[in-house]
Amino acid sequence: MIIGITGKTNVGKSSFFKAATMVDVEIGDRRFVTIKPNIGIGYVTVNCVCKDGRRYIPVRLIDVAGLIPGAHEGRGLGNKFLDDLRQASVFIQIVDCSGLTDAEGKPTQNYDPAFDVEFVQNEIDLWFADVIKRAVGRIGKAQSREELVQLLTEQLSGLEISKKHIQTALEKVSVTDTERFARTVRRVSKPMLIAANKIDLEPAQKNFGKLKEKFKDTIVIPTSADYEIALEKAAEAGMIEYPSGNSFKILDPAKISEKQLNALEKIRSVMEKFGSTGIQECLNRAVFDLLDYIVVYPVEDENKLSDKKGNVLPDAFIIPRGTTALELAFKIHTDIGNKFVSAIDARSKRRLGKEYVLKNNDVIRIMISR
């Protein structure tokens, strides 16, 4: 499962990526700073089972070259951008909520960020439509719905589109209406939320309410990638304590310059207004709300909730809701899946079959044949 960072050029995508992963990537106030995709690890957070505090679970992120109108036809770095996004399971679209960059990422004033949401999503949907048109042309006339689903699944597997995605889309629209079918497949297979970035700027704060109102059926989160990076650097320098993502504590004001103190208080005021810098919320909601994933904890000792070395709850797996005990076994290791006998619920000590559908926060021991 990969989170794709999308958006037009020069909106702060690489800043968002750095804020989420702390991978040191090139950031600049110009177009097409990112050419080759940046790939890194971020973390979603959950309340840990049977432990105090938070659990940080790794997820992969990919930050690709920015889009401009006409990208699906090859304008800018469009073909590369879209091809790099094939493997993503969910998109976070970064929008310059301040309205200080135009559709091509050039400096401007009073630009409507809603246009960016529409044109970026349209470019991705048109790219999907091109791929689907070619796929439909190759499969000819299917003899049955089941055959059509199977053929489309095979042709679209390169886009990480599953049979379930195809079935869901076909229930809503016919494949003969290619563009509508493409939009439906994209929304089902790669849902998207909006990160209204640069919320630390006054124009962005004025635009945010209008953006959220216009896209009321989409998750819209106010973000400041620059502020998140500043806080993480301050924490590394020992200036602040910043464990939670939604508040921070200045450790020793006497050791901080007046300029640094003022900057931190400015960041605090924005966080108090919007709840956080928004970066962590974007990752969490992409995984748990849009993808509807859950967390399970496989253990080797159901009584101590540990592995063989005594490490308590050593692993946390993020899996799609509806995953079975057998499917979890294969995710852990192919050999474990092949030797699966049963599972044990660590709480109730109840023995579970291979078809048992896992629930959020289940602690499970997999029993295998020797």
Foldseek 3Di string as FASTA:
>chain_A
DEEEEAFAFQQCSVLLVCLQFVDDADDDLDGFSFADKDKGKGWAWDQAPPDHDIDTDIHMYIYHHGDAFPLLVPPDNSVVRLLVQLPHQAYEYEFQLLQQAERNSHGDHDHQRLVRVVRRLLSNLVNLLVQLVVQPVVPDDDPDPVRVLVSSQVSSVSSVQHSVLLVVLCVPDPCVVRSSSSSSSCCSRYNYAYENEPCLDPSSVVRVVVNCVVPVVHHYAYAYSPLSVVVVVCVVVVQWADDPQQDIGGDDVVVDDPVVVVVVVSSVVSSVVRRGNRSNVRVNCRQCPSQVWAKEFEEADLAQCHHPVSHHSPDIDTGGQFQFPLNVLVVVPVVSSVFFDWKAFSPVRDTGHRNHGDDHHTYMYTDGDD
